[in-house]
């Protein structure tokens, strides 16, 4: 969604009486992107890691595009139906002691329409 050149999901919009008008453009598309990958550590695949995929930069207006998925028994994850754009990825895992949370280094990726990317996150 945008008004003129301003992206609403990044910056929001403020409506004022007597303000400069503009054209509101809303694009609805099924050309979403897909992200898949795996999370591993020094002992191999990590089962049950939580992977957060968030718009970059994250704002109050696009926060709903964030997703959290959990890795399967092979350490794999998949996120379908992502809008084209730039995302920040981070994996978290609670160690067996139950107290310590370990994290991957954040990664930034850009997805286009109908694009399918594979990433590897290391904890």
C-alpha atoms as a PDB file:
ATOM      1  CA  UNK A   1       0.000   0.000   0.000  1.00  0.00           C
ATOM      2  CA  UNK A   2       1.248   3.446  -0.809  1.00  0.00           C
ATOM      3  CA  UNK A   3       0.096   7.024  -1.107  1.00  0.00           C
ATOM      4  CA  UNK A   4       2.147   8.667  -3.817  1.00  0.00           C
ATOM      5  CA  UNK A   5       5.691   7.394  -3.246  1.00  0.00           C
ATOM      6  CA  UNK A   6       5.221   6.793   0.505  1.00  0.00           C
ATOM      7  CA  UNK A   7       4.989   3.121   1.576  1.00  0.00           C
ATOM      8  CA  UNK A   8       2.269   2.823   4.221  1.00  0.00           C
ATOM      9  CA  UNK A   9       3.548  -0.431   5.737  1.00  0.00           C
ATOM     10  CA  UNK A  10       6.865   1.286   6.459  1.00  0.00           C
ATOM     11  CA  UNK A  11       5.838   4.811   7.400  1.00  0.00           C
ATOM     12  CA  UNK A  12       2.107   4.807   8.107  1.00  0.00           C
ATOM     13  CA  UNK A  13      -0.110   7.630   6.942  1.00  0.00           C
ATOM     14  CA  UNK A  14      -1.521  10.704   8.594  1.00  0.00           C
ATOM     15  CA  UNK A  15      -4.791  12.106   7.292  1.00  0.00           C
ATOM     16  CA  UNK A  16      -5.547  15.777   7.825  1.00  0.00           C
ATOM     17  CA  UNK A  17      -8.428  17.957   6.724  1.00  0.00           C
ATOM     18  CA  UNK A  18      -7.245  20.233   3.941  1.00  0.00           C
ATOM     19  CA  UNK A  19      -4.015  18.246   3.525  1.00  0.00           C
ATOM     20  CA  UNK A  20      -2.495  17.533   0.163  1.00  0.00           C
ATOM     21  CA  UNK A  21      -4.410  14.773  -1.554  1.00  0.00           C
ATOM     22  CA  UNK A  22      -2.904  11.732  -3.062  1.00  0.00           C
ATOM     23  CA  UNK A  23      -3.740   8.494  -4.734  1.00  0.00           C
ATOM     24  CA  UNK A  24      -4.032   5.454  -2.471  1.00  0.00           C
ATOM     25  CA  UNK A  25      -2.676   2.388  -4.228  1.00  0.00           C
ATOM     26  CA  UNK A  26      -3.346  -1.076  -2.784  1.00  0.00           C
ATOM     27  CA  UNK A  27      -1.796  -4.053  -4.555  1.00  0.00           C
ATOM     28  CA  UNK A  28      -3.071  -7.545  -3.781  1.00  0.00           C
ATOM     29  CA  UNK A  29      -1.040 -10.356  -5.280  1.00  0.00           C
ATOM     30  CA  UNK A  30      -0.565 -14.087  -4.977  1.00  0.00           C
ATOM     31  CA  UNK A  31       3.069 -13.705  -6.080  1.00  0.00           C
ATOM     32  CA  UNK A  32       4.451 -14.272  -2.598  1.00  0.00           C
ATOM     33  CA  UNK A  33       7.938 -15.461  -1.735  1.00  0.00           C
ATOM     34  CA  UNK A  34       9.088 -18.489   0.228  1.00  0.00           C
ATOM     35  CA  UNK A  35      11.989 -18.904   2.611  1.00  0.00           C
ATOM     36  CA  UNK A  36      13.334 -22.202   3.815  1.00  0.00           C
ATOM     37  CA  UNK A  37      16.451 -23.325   5.558  1.00  0.00           C
ATOM     38  CA  UNK A  38      17.992 -25.067   8.494  1.00  0.00           C
ATOM     39  CA  UNK A  39      19.470 -24.292  11.883  1.00  0.00           C
ATOM     40  CA  UNK A  40      22.561 -26.091  13.108  1.00  0.00           C
ATOM     41  CA  UNK A  41      25.131 -25.915  15.869  1.00  0.00           C
ATOM     42  CA  UNK A  42      28.438 -27.552  16.601  1.00  0.00           C
ATOM     43  CA  UNK A  43      26.650 -30.891  17.239  1.00  0.00           C
ATOM     44  CA  UNK A  44      24.596 -30.826  14.018  1.00  0.00           C
ATOM     45  CA  UNK A  45      20.943 -29.971  13.285  1.00  0.00           C
ATOM     46  CA  UNK A  46      19.001 -28.180  16.013  1.00  0.00           C
ATOM     47  CA  UNK A  47      15.487 -29.480  16.617  1.00  0.00           C
ATOM     48  CA  UNK A  48      12.952 -27.047  18.057  1.00  0.00           C
ATOM     49  CA  UNK A  49      14.823 -23.813  17.346  1.00  0.00           C
ATOM     50  CA  UNK A  50      12.572 -20.790  16.877  1.00  0.00           C
ATOM     51  CA  UNK A  51      13.284 -18.803  13.724  1.00  0.00           C
ATOM     52  CA  UNK A  52      11.940 -15.239  13.569  1.00  0.00           C
ATOM     53  CA  UNK A  53      11.499 -13.600  10.166  1.00  0.00           C
ATOM     54  CA  UNK A  54      10.798  -9.871  10.545  1.00  0.00           C
ATOM     55  CA  UNK A  55      10.592  -6.999   8.050  1.00  0.00           C
ATOM     56  CA  UNK A  56      13.723  -4.851   7.935  1.00  0.00           C
ATOM     57  CA  UNK A  57      13.383  -2.201   9.145  1.00  0.00           C
ATOM     58  CA  UNK A  58      10.579  -3.258  11.481  1.00  0.00           C
ATOM     59  CA  UNK A  59       8.098  -0.471  12.197  1.00  0.00           C
ATOM     60  CA  UNK A  60       4.768  -0.318  14.027  1.00  0.00           C
ATOM     61  CA  UNK A  61       3.107  -0.383  10.592  1.00  0.00           C
ATOM     62  CA  UNK A  62       4.688  -3.561   9.216  1.00  0.00           C
ATOM     63  CA  UNK A  63       5.123  -5.571  12.429  1.00  0.00           C
ATOM     64  CA  UNK A  64       2.243  -7.880  11.457  1.00  0.00           C
ATOM     65  CA  UNK A  65       4.395  -9.242   8.611  1.00  0.00           C
ATOM     66  CA  UNK A  66       6.704 -10.915  11.169  1.00  0.00           C
ATOM     67  CA  UNK A  67       6.613 -14.702  11.413  1.00  0.00           C
ATOM     68  CA  UNK A  68       7.995 -17.222  13.899  1.00  0.00           C
ATOM     69  CA  UNK A  69       8.453 -20.880  12.940  1.00  0.00           C
ATOM     70  CA  UNK A  70      10.025 -23.850  14.702  1.00  0.00           C
ATOM     71  CA  UNK A  71      12.543 -26.232  13.174  1.00  0.00           C
ATOM     72  CA  UNK A  72      11.502 -29.837  12.608  1.00  0.00           C
ATOM     73  CA  UNK A  73      13.289 -33.073  13.538  1.00  0.00           C
ATOM     74  CA  UNK A  74      15.896 -32.407  10.840  1.00  0.00           C
ATOM     75  CA  UNK A  75      16.518 -28.804  11.894  1.00  0.00           C
ATOM     76  CA  UNK A  76      14.621 -27.497   8.838  1.00  0.00           C
ATOM     77  CA  UNK A  77      12.055 -24.716   8.606  1.00  0.00           C
ATOM     78  CA  UNK A  78       9.884 -23.133   5.907  1.00  0.00           C
ATOM     79  CA  UNK A  79       7.992 -19.842   5.734  1.00  0.00           C
ATOM     80  CA  UNK A  80       5.530 -19.447   2.869  1.00  0.00           C
ATOM     81  CA  UNK A  81       3.450 -16.476   1.769  1.00  0.00           C
ATOM     82  CA  UNK A  82       5.987 -13.719   2.455  1.00  0.00           C
ATOM     83  CA  UNK A  83       5.459 -10.350   0.826  1.00  0.00           C
ATOM     84  CA  UNK A  84       8.393  -9.205  -1.316  1.00  0.00           C
ATOM     85  CA  UNK A  85      10.822  -7.096   0.686  1.00  0.00           C
ATOM     86  CA  UNK A  86      13.783  -7.162   3.034  1.00  0.00           C
ATOM     87  CA  UNK A  87      13.708  -9.364   6.131  1.00  0.00           C
ATOM     88  CA  UNK A  88      15.893  -9.986   9.180  1.00  0.00           C
ATOM     89  CA  UNK A  89      16.310 -13.610  10.322  1.00  0.00           C
ATOM     90  CA  UNK A  90      17.290 -14.796  13.771  1.00  0.00           C
ATOM     91  CA  UNK A  91      17.230 -18.283  15.295  1.00  0.00           C
ATOM     92  CA  UNK A  92      16.909 -18.883  19.063  1.00  0.00           C
ATOM     93  CA  UNK A  93      17.212 -22.082  21.013  1.00  0.00           C
ATOM     94  CA  UNK A  94      16.853 -22.842  24.704  1.00  0.00           C
ATOM     95  CA  UNK A  95      19.713 -25.095  25.741  1.00  0.00           C
ATOM     96  CA  UNK A  96      19.005 -28.397  27.482  1.00  0.00           C
ATOM     97  CA  UNK A  97      19.664 -26.798  30.864  1.00  0.00           C
ATOM     98  CA  UNK A  98      16.511 -24.755  30.260  1.00  0.00           C
ATOM     99  CA  UNK A  99      18.144 -21.526  31.378  1.00  0.00           C
ATOM    100  CA  UNK A 100      20.464 -20.464  28.600  1.00  0.00           C
ATOM    101  CA  UNK A 101      19.123 -19.153  25.304  1.00  0.00           C
ATOM    102  CA  UNK A 102      21.550 -19.237  22.395  1.00  0.00           C
ATOM    103  CA  UNK A 103      21.071 -17.209  19.235  1.00  0.00           C
ATOM    104  CA  UNK A 104      22.347 -17.153  15.703  1.00  0.00           C
ATOM    105  CA  UNK A 105      23.897 -14.089  14.168  1.00  0.00           C
ATOM    106  CA  UNK A 106      21.135 -12.100  12.443  1.00  0.00           C
ATOM    107  CA  UNK A 107      20.965 -12.351   8.660  1.00  0.00           C
ATOM    108  CA  UNK A 108      19.305  -9.921   6.280  1.00  0.00           C
ATOM    109  CA  UNK A 109      17.791 -11.146   3.023  1.00  0.00           C
ATOM    110  CA  UNK A 110      15.753  -9.568   0.234  1.00  0.00           C
ATOM    111  CA  UNK A 111      12.942 -11.511  -1.413  1.00  0.00           C
ATOM    112  CA  UNK A 112      11.278 -10.760  -4.755  1.00  0.00           C
ATOM    113  CA  UNK A 113       7.899 -11.906  -6.042  1.00  0.00           C
ATOM    114  CA  UNK A 114       7.706 -15.698  -6.414  1.00  0.00           C
ATOM    115  CA  UNK A 115      11.289 -16.059  -5.185  1.00  0.00           C
ATOM    116  CA  UNK A 116      12.322 -19.068  -3.130  1.00  0.00           C
ATOM    117  CA  UNK A 117      15.485 -18.750  -1.028  1.00  0.00           C
ATOM    118  CA  UNK A 118      17.314 -21.183   1.208  1.00  0.00           C
ATOM    119  CA  UNK A 119      19.367 -20.037   4.202  1.00  0.00           C
ATOM    120  CA  UNK A 120      21.583 -21.691   6.794  1.00  0.00           C
ATOM    121  CA  UNK A 121      21.578 -20.314  10.351  1.00  0.00           C
ATOM    122  CA  UNK A 122      24.351 -21.322  12.757  1.00  0.00           C
ATOM    123  CA  UNK A 123      23.941 -21.235  16.531  1.00  0.00           C
END
